[in-house]
Amino acid sequence: MKAVVSQSEEPLQACPAVAPPVVWWLRLEGLTVVVLSAVLYARSGTSLWIFAALWLVPDLGFLGYLAGPRWGALCYNVCHSYMVPAAIILAALAFHRDAVLPFAFLWFNHIGLDRLLGYGLKYPTAFGYTHLKHLGKQRG
């Protein structure tokens, strides 16, 4: 696999080879998040129509790619990181805003399914390089 030089001229392995057992653990982790978030969403009593209508909202992070791969990766990673919905859950619990919780559960579900399917966080070098695998045709 070829190393790609980042903008700071430091070598960066754009898509590291992830050993198969590690990939399976990461995918099982995604499955765990999918199941847990779906159960929590269902227990919240919120409509499944809202779930279906808003499930793709985190993918709006793709719009960052209009400004180039560096901004695209940043926007995508912010929208596909567990940190933001986790912060929303903590804030909702701290300020007794339970109505916000289903949206965070939905967000977790989206990210978990992406991980289960092998879509990882993006490197700023190119769209197809993720922390889980190289998307698209292999080069080299």
N, C-alpha and C. Protein backbone atom coordinates (compact mmCIF):
# COMPACT_ATOMS: atom_id res chain seq x y z
N MET A 1 0.84 -1.16 0.00
CA MET A 1 0.00 0.00 0.00
C MET A 1 0.90 1.24 0.00
N LYS A 2 0.53 2.23 -0.76
CA LYS A 2 1.34 3.44 -0.87
C LYS A 2 0.99 4.42 0.24
N ALA A 3 1.99 5.10 0.73
CA ALA A 3 1.76 6.17 1.69
C ALA A 3 1.44 7.44 0.91
N VAL A 4 0.57 8.25 1.46
CA VAL A 4 0.18 9.50 0.83
C VAL A 4 0.74 10.64 1.65
N VAL A 5 1.26 11.66 1.01
CA VAL A 5 1.84 12.79 1.72
C VAL A 5 0.73 13.78 2.00
N SER A 6 0.60 14.16 3.27
CA SER A 6 -0.43 15.13 3.65
C SER A 6 0.05 16.53 3.32
N GLN A 7 -0.82 17.51 3.56
CA GLN A 7 -0.47 18.88 3.25
C GLN A 7 0.70 19.38 4.10
N SER A 8 0.91 18.76 5.25
CA SER A 8 2.03 19.17 6.09
C SER A 8 3.32 18.44 5.70
N GLU A 9 3.30 17.71 4.60
CA GLU A 9 4.44 16.99 4.04
C GLU A 9 4.91 15.84 4.92
N GLU A 10 4.11 15.44 5.92
CA GLU A 10 4.47 14.28 6.72
C GLU A 10 3.83 13.06 6.09
N PRO A 11 4.53 11.94 6.08
CA PRO A 11 3.94 10.72 5.51
C PRO A 11 2.68 10.33 6.28
N LEU A 12 1.70 9.93 5.55
CA LEU A 12 0.45 9.49 6.16
C LEU A 12 -0.01 8.28 5.38
N GLN A 13 -0.25 7.22 6.07
CA GLN A 13 -0.78 6.04 5.40
C GLN A 13 -2.28 6.30 5.26
N ALA A 14 -2.73 6.57 4.05
CA ALA A 14 -4.09 7.03 3.79
C ALA A 14 -5.14 6.00 4.18
N CYS A 15 -4.86 4.77 3.99
CA CYS A 15 -5.82 3.73 4.33
C CYS A 15 -5.06 2.56 4.93
N PRO A 16 -4.84 2.58 6.23
CA PRO A 16 -4.04 1.52 6.82
C PRO A 16 -4.72 0.16 6.67
N ALA A 17 -3.90 -0.83 6.52
CA ALA A 17 -4.43 -2.19 6.44
C ALA A 17 -4.93 -2.58 7.83
N VAL A 18 -6.20 -2.88 7.93
CA VAL A 18 -6.79 -3.27 9.20
C VAL A 18 -6.96 -4.78 9.16
N ALA A 19 -6.39 -5.45 10.14
CA ALA A 19 -6.45 -6.90 10.19
C ALA A 19 -7.91 -7.36 10.28
N PRO A 20 -8.24 -8.47 9.60
CA PRO A 20 -9.63 -8.95 9.59
C PRO A 20 -10.27 -9.09 10.98
N PRO A 21 -9.58 -9.62 12.01
CA PRO A 21 -10.25 -9.70 13.31
C PRO A 21 -10.63 -8.32 13.85
N VAL A 22 -9.80 -7.31 13.59
CA VAL A 22 -10.09 -5.96 14.06
C VAL A 22 -11.29 -5.40 13.31
N VAL A 23 -11.36 -5.64 12.02
CA VAL A 23 -12.50 -5.17 11.23
C VAL A 23 -13.79 -5.78 11.77
N TRP A 24 -13.77 -7.07 12.09
CA TRP A 24 -14.97 -7.71 12.62
C TRP A 24 -15.37 -7.11 13.97
N TRP A 25 -14.40 -6.82 14.82
CA TRP A 25 -14.71 -6.19 16.10
C TRP A 25 -15.33 -4.82 15.89
N LEU A 26 -14.77 -4.05 14.96
CA LEU A 26 -15.32 -2.72 14.69
C LEU A 26 -16.74 -2.81 14.12
N ARG A 27 -16.98 -3.80 13.29
CA ARG A 27 -18.32 -3.96 12.73
C ARG A 27 -19.31 -4.45 13.80
N LEU A 28 -18.86 -5.35 14.66
CA LEU A 28 -19.72 -5.78 15.77
C LEU A 28 -20.03 -4.62 16.71
N GLU A 29 -19.06 -3.75 16.89
CA GLU A 29 -19.28 -2.55 17.69
C GLU A 29 -20.37 -1.69 17.04
N GLY A 30 -20.30 -1.55 15.72
CA GLY A 30 -21.34 -0.81 15.00
C GLY A 30 -22.71 -1.46 15.17
N LEU A 31 -22.76 -2.79 15.08
CA LEU A 31 -24.02 -3.51 15.27
C LEU A 31 -24.57 -3.27 16.68
N THR A 32 -23.70 -3.28 17.66
CA THR A 32 -24.11 -3.03 19.04
C THR A 32 -24.75 -1.65 19.16
N VAL A 33 -24.14 -0.65 18.55
CA VAL A 33 -24.67 0.71 18.60
C VAL A 33 -26.02 0.77 17.87
N VAL A 34 -26.13 0.10 16.74
CA VAL A 34 -27.39 0.09 15.98
C VAL A 34 -28.52 -0.48 16.83
N VAL A 35 -28.27 -1.64 17.44
CA VAL A 35 -29.31 -2.30 18.22
C VAL A 35 -29.67 -1.47 19.45
N LEU A 36 -28.67 -1.03 20.19
CA LEU A 36 -28.93 -0.26 21.41
C LEU A 36 -29.68 1.04 21.09
N SER A 37 -29.24 1.76 20.07
CA SER A 37 -29.89 3.03 19.73
C SER A 37 -31.31 2.81 19.22
N ALA A 38 -31.55 1.72 18.48
CA ALA A 38 -32.90 1.42 17.99
C ALA A 38 -33.83 1.10 19.16
N VAL A 39 -33.33 0.33 20.12
CA VAL A 39 -34.15 0.01 21.30
C VAL A 39 -34.46 1.27 22.09
N LEU A 40 -33.46 2.12 22.31
CA LEU A 40 -33.70 3.35 23.05
C LEU A 40 -34.66 4.28 22.30
N TYR A 41 -34.52 4.35 20.99
CA TYR A 41 -35.44 5.18 20.20
C TYR A 41 -36.86 4.63 20.33
N ALA A 42 -37.03 3.32 20.20
CA ALA A 42 -38.36 2.71 20.31
C ALA A 42 -38.97 2.96 21.68
N ARG A 43 -38.15 2.88 22.72
CA ARG A 43 -38.65 3.12 24.08
C ARG A 43 -39.02 4.58 24.31
N SER A 44 -38.48 5.47 23.48
CA SER A 44 -38.80 6.89 23.65
C SER A 44 -40.22 7.21 23.21
N GLY A 45 -40.82 6.31 22.41
CA GLY A 45 -42.19 6.53 21.95
C GLY A 45 -42.31 7.50 20.79
N THR A 46 -41.20 7.91 20.24
CA THR A 46 -41.22 8.85 19.11
C THR A 46 -41.59 8.10 17.84
N SER A 47 -42.28 8.78 16.94
CA SER A 47 -42.78 8.19 15.72
C SER A 47 -41.66 7.61 14.85
N LEU A 48 -41.94 6.46 14.26
CA LEU A 48 -41.00 5.87 13.31
C LEU A 48 -40.90 6.70 12.04
N TRP A 49 -41.94 7.49 11.74
CA TRP A 49 -41.88 8.38 10.58
C TRP A 49 -40.79 9.43 10.76
N ILE A 50 -40.63 9.93 11.96
CA ILE A 50 -39.56 10.90 12.23
C ILE A 50 -38.21 10.22 12.05
N PHE A 51 -38.10 8.99 12.54
CA PHE A 51 -36.87 8.22 12.38
C PHE A 51 -36.52 8.08 10.90
N ALA A 52 -37.51 7.67 10.10
CA ALA A 52 -37.28 7.47 8.67
C ALA A 52 -36.97 8.79 7.96
N ALA A 53 -37.66 9.84 8.34
CA ALA A 53 -37.48 11.13 7.67
C ALA A 53 -36.13 11.77 7.96
N LEU A 54 -35.61 11.55 9.15
CA LEU A 54 -34.39 12.24 9.57
C LEU A 54 -33.15 11.36 9.56
N TRP A 55 -33.28 10.09 9.23
CA TRP A 55 -32.16 9.17 9.37
C TRP A 55 -30.95 9.57 8.51
N LEU A 56 -31.16 10.16 7.36
CA LEU A 56 -30.04 10.53 6.48
C LEU A 56 -29.47 11.92 6.76
N VAL A 57 -30.02 12.64 7.71
CA VAL A 57 -29.54 14.00 8.00
C VAL A 57 -28.04 14.06 8.27
N PRO A 58 -27.44 13.12 9.01
CA PRO A 58 -25.98 13.20 9.22
C PRO A 58 -25.17 13.18 7.92
N ASP A 59 -25.74 12.64 6.86
CA ASP A 59 -25.02 12.61 5.58
C ASP A 59 -24.93 13.98 4.93
N LEU A 60 -25.59 14.98 5.49
CA LEU A 60 -25.42 16.34 4.98
C LEU A 60 -23.97 16.81 5.15
N GLY A 61 -23.23 16.11 6.00
CA GLY A 61 -21.80 16.41 6.15
C GLY A 61 -21.04 16.24 4.84
N PHE A 62 -21.59 15.48 3.92
CA PHE A 62 -20.96 15.32 2.60
C PHE A 62 -20.85 16.66 1.87
N LEU A 63 -21.70 17.60 2.20
CA LEU A 63 -21.67 18.89 1.51
C LEU A 63 -20.33 19.60 1.70
N GLY A 64 -19.61 19.26 2.75
CA GLY A 64 -18.29 19.84 2.96
C GLY A 64 -17.32 19.54 1.83
N TYR A 65 -17.56 18.45 1.11
CA TYR A 65 -16.69 18.10 -0.02
C TYR A 65 -16.79 19.11 -1.15
N LEU A 66 -17.81 19.95 -1.14
CA LEU A 66 -17.88 21.01 -2.14
C LEU A 66 -16.73 22.01 -1.97
N ALA A 67 -16.19 22.09 -0.76
CA ALA A 67 -15.07 22.98 -0.47
C ALA A 67 -13.73 22.26 -0.57
N GLY A 68 -13.73 20.99 -0.94
CA GLY A 68 -12.50 20.23 -1.09
C GLY A 68 -12.42 19.08 -0.10
N PRO A 69 -11.45 18.18 -0.30
CA PRO A 69 -11.37 16.97 0.53
C PRO A 69 -11.03 17.25 1.99
N ARG A 70 -10.26 18.27 2.27
CA ARG A 70 -9.91 18.57 3.66
C ARG A 70 -11.15 18.99 4.45
N TRP A 71 -11.92 19.94 3.89
CA TRP A 71 -13.15 20.39 4.56
C TRP A 71 -14.20 19.29 4.54
N GLY A 72 -14.24 18.55 3.45
CA GLY A 72 -15.20 17.46 3.35
C GLY A 72 -14.99 16.42 4.43
N ALA A 73 -13.73 16.02 4.62
CA ALA A 73 -13.43 15.03 5.65
C ALA A 73 -13.78 15.57 7.04
N LEU A 74 -13.46 16.84 7.29
CA LEU A 74 -13.78 17.44 8.59
C LEU A 74 -15.29 17.45 8.83
N CYS A 75 -16.05 17.92 7.86
CA CYS A 75 -17.51 17.97 8.02
C CYS A 75 -18.10 16.57 8.17
N TYR A 76 -17.65 15.64 7.33
CA TYR A 76 -18.14 14.27 7.41
C TYR A 76 -17.82 13.67 8.78
N ASN A 77 -16.58 13.85 9.24
CA ASN A 77 -16.17 13.25 10.51
C ASN A 77 -16.91 13.84 11.70
N VAL A 78 -17.21 15.15 11.66
CA VAL A 78 -17.99 15.76 12.74
C VAL A 78 -19.38 15.14 12.78
N CYS A 79 -19.97 14.96 11.60
CA CYS A 79 -21.33 14.40 11.52
C CYS A 79 -21.37 12.90 11.75
N HIS A 80 -20.23 12.23 11.67
CA HIS A 80 -20.19 10.78 11.82
C HIS A 80 -19.30 10.34 12.98
N SER A 81 -19.24 11.18 13.99
CA SER A 81 -18.51 10.86 15.20
C SER A 81 -19.52 10.71 16.34
N TYR A 82 -19.28 9.78 17.22
CA TYR A 82 -20.19 9.57 18.35
C TYR A 82 -20.16 10.72 19.35
N MET A 83 -19.17 11.58 19.27
CA MET A 83 -19.01 12.63 20.28
C MET A 83 -20.17 13.64 20.28
N VAL A 84 -20.64 14.05 19.11
CA VAL A 84 -21.68 15.08 19.05
C VAL A 84 -23.01 14.55 19.61
N PRO A 85 -23.51 13.40 19.13
CA PRO A 85 -24.77 12.93 19.74
C PRO A 85 -24.61 12.57 21.22
N ALA A 86 -23.43 12.13 21.63
CA ALA A 86 -23.21 11.86 23.06
C ALA A 86 -23.30 13.16 23.87
N ALA A 87 -22.73 14.23 23.34
CA ALA A 87 -22.83 15.54 24.02
C ALA A 87 -24.28 16.01 24.09
N ILE A 88 -25.04 15.75 23.03
CA ILE A 88 -26.46 16.12 23.03
C ILE A 88 -27.20 15.35 24.11
N ILE A 89 -26.90 14.06 24.25
CA ILE A 89 -27.55 13.25 25.29
C ILE A 89 -27.20 13.78 26.67
N LEU A 90 -25.92 14.07 26.90
CA LEU A 90 -25.52 14.60 28.21
C LEU A 90 -26.21 15.92 28.51
N ALA A 91 -26.27 16.81 27.53
CA ALA A 91 -26.94 18.09 27.73
C ALA A 91 -28.44 17.91 27.97
N ALA A 92 -29.06 17.00 27.21
CA ALA A 92 -30.49 16.75 27.38
C ALA A 92 -30.78 16.20 28.78
N LEU A 93 -29.93 15.32 29.26
CA LEU A 93 -30.12 14.78 30.62
C LEU A 93 -29.85 15.83 31.68
N ALA A 94 -28.82 16.63 31.48
CA ALA A 94 -28.47 17.66 32.46
C ALA A 94 -29.54 18.74 32.57
N PHE A 95 -30.16 19.08 31.46
CA PHE A 95 -31.14 20.17 31.44
C PHE A 95 -32.58 19.66 31.33
N HIS A 96 -32.77 18.35 31.55
CA HIS A 96 -34.10 17.74 31.57
C HIS A 96 -34.89 18.04 30.30
N ARG A 97 -34.24 17.82 29.16
CA ARG A 97 -34.86 18.02 27.85
C ARG A 97 -34.99 16.66 27.15
N ASP A 98 -35.83 15.81 27.70
CA ASP A 98 -35.97 14.44 27.19
C ASP A 98 -36.44 14.38 25.75
N ALA A 99 -37.12 15.41 25.28
CA ALA A 99 -37.63 15.42 23.90
C ALA A 99 -36.50 15.40 22.87
N VAL A 100 -35.29 15.77 23.27
CA VAL A 100 -34.14 15.81 22.36
C VAL A 100 -33.50 14.43 22.23
N LEU A 101 -33.69 13.57 23.21
CA LEU A 101 -33.01 12.27 23.23
C LEU A 101 -33.26 11.41 21.99
N PRO A 102 -34.49 11.31 21.48
CA PRO A 102 -34.69 10.45 20.29
C PRO A 102 -33.84 10.87 19.09
N PHE A 103 -33.59 12.16 18.94
CA PHE A 103 -32.78 12.63 17.82
C PHE A 103 -31.33 12.19 17.96
N ALA A 104 -30.84 12.18 19.18
CA ALA A 104 -29.48 11.69 19.43
C ALA A 104 -29.43 10.17 19.21
N PHE A 105 -30.47 9.44 19.63
CA PHE A 105 -30.50 7.99 19.41
C PHE A 105 -30.51 7.68 17.92
N LEU A 106 -31.27 8.45 17.16
CA LEU A 106 -31.33 8.30 15.71
C LEU A 106 -29.96 8.54 15.11
N TRP A 107 -29.27 9.57 15.58
CA TRP A 107 -27.94 9.91 15.08
C TRP A 107 -26.95 8.78 15.37
N PHE A 108 -27.01 8.25 16.60
CA PHE A 108 -26.17 7.10 16.95
C PHE A 108 -26.46 5.93 16.03
N ASN A 109 -27.73 5.71 15.72
CA ASN A 109 -28.12 4.60 14.86
C ASN A 109 -27.50 4.75 13.48
N HIS A 110 -27.56 5.94 12.93
CA HIS A 110 -26.99 6.20 11.61
C HIS A 110 -25.48 5.90 11.60
N ILE A 111 -24.78 6.41 12.59
CA ILE A 111 -23.33 6.20 12.66
C ILE A 111 -23.01 4.72 12.85
N GLY A 112 -23.74 4.06 13.73
CA GLY A 112 -23.52 2.64 13.97
C GLY A 112 -23.72 1.80 12.72
N LEU A 113 -24.76 2.11 11.94
CA LEU A 113 -24.98 1.34 10.71
C LEU A 113 -23.87 1.60 9.70
N ASP A 114 -23.43 2.85 9.62
CA ASP A 114 -22.29 3.14 8.74
C ASP A 114 -21.08 2.30 9.13
N ARG A 115 -20.78 2.24 10.43
CA ARG A 115 -19.64 1.45 10.89
C ARG A 115 -19.84 -0.04 10.61
N LEU A 116 -21.06 -0.52 10.84
CA LEU A 116 -21.38 -1.92 10.57
C LEU A 116 -21.14 -2.26 9.10
N LEU A 117 -21.45 -1.34 8.20
CA LEU A 117 -21.28 -1.56 6.77
C LEU A 117 -19.85 -1.29 6.30
N GLY A 118 -19.00 -0.82 7.21
CA GLY A 118 -17.60 -0.62 6.86
C GLY A 118 -17.23 0.79 6.45
N TYR A 119 -18.15 1.74 6.63
CA TYR A 119 -17.84 3.13 6.30
C TYR A 119 -17.25 3.79 7.53
N GLY A 120 -16.02 4.24 7.41
CA GLY A 120 -15.35 4.82 8.55
C GLY A 120 -15.16 6.31 8.42
N LEU A 121 -14.45 6.86 9.37
CA LEU A 121 -14.11 8.28 9.34
C LEU A 121 -13.15 8.54 8.19
N LYS A 122 -13.25 9.70 7.60
CA LYS A 122 -12.50 10.01 6.38
C LYS A 122 -11.16 10.65 6.69
N TYR A 123 -10.18 10.33 5.86
CA TYR A 123 -8.91 11.03 5.85
C TYR A 123 -9.05 12.24 4.92
N PRO A 124 -8.31 13.31 5.16
CA PRO A 124 -8.44 14.50 4.31
C PRO A 124 -7.77 14.36 2.95
N THR A 125 -7.14 13.24 2.67
CA THR A 125 -6.44 13.06 1.40
C THR A 125 -7.38 12.82 0.23
N ALA A 126 -8.43 12.04 0.46
CA ALA A 126 -9.39 11.74 -0.61
C ALA A 126 -10.62 11.10 0.02
N PHE A 127 -11.75 11.21 -0.65
CA PHE A 127 -13.03 10.72 -0.13
C PHE A 127 -12.99 9.24 0.22
N GLY A 128 -12.36 8.43 -0.59
CA GLY A 128 -12.41 6.98 -0.42
C GLY A 128 -11.54 6.42 0.67
N TYR A 129 -10.71 7.22 1.30
CA TYR A 129 -9.83 6.71 2.35
C TYR A 129 -10.49 6.89 3.72
N THR A 130 -10.78 5.74 4.38
CA THR A 130 -11.40 5.79 5.70
C THR A 130 -10.55 5.02 6.70
N HIS A 131 -10.90 5.13 7.96
CA HIS A 131 -10.14 4.42 8.99
C HIS A 131 -10.46 2.93 9.00
N LEU A 132 -11.46 2.50 8.23
CA LEU A 132 -11.80 1.08 8.19
C LEU A 132 -11.34 0.38 6.91
N LYS A 133 -11.38 1.11 5.79
CA LYS A 133 -10.98 0.48 4.54
C LYS A 133 -10.89 1.55 3.46
N HIS A 134 -10.40 1.14 2.29
CA HIS A 134 -10.39 2.01 1.12
C HIS A 134 -11.66 1.73 0.34
N LEU A 135 -12.46 2.75 0.11
CA LEU A 135 -13.69 2.60 -0.66
C LEU A 135 -13.38 2.71 -2.14
N GLY A 136 -13.97 1.89 -2.94
CA GLY A 136 -13.75 1.95 -4.37
C GLY A 136 -12.67 0.98 -4.80
N LYS A 137 -12.20 1.17 -6.04
CA LYS A 137 -11.18 0.28 -6.60
C LYS A 137 -9.85 0.48 -5.89
N GLN A 138 -9.17 -0.61 -5.61
CA GLN A 138 -7.85 -0.55 -5.01
C GLN A 138 -6.84 -0.04 -6.03
N ARG A 139 -5.96 0.83 -5.59
CA ARG A 139 -4.91 1.34 -6.46
C ARG A 139 -3.58 0.75 -6.03
N GLY A 140 -2.66 0.77 -6.95
CA GLY A 140 -1.36 0.42 -6.47
C GLY A 140 -0.63 -0.52 -7.28
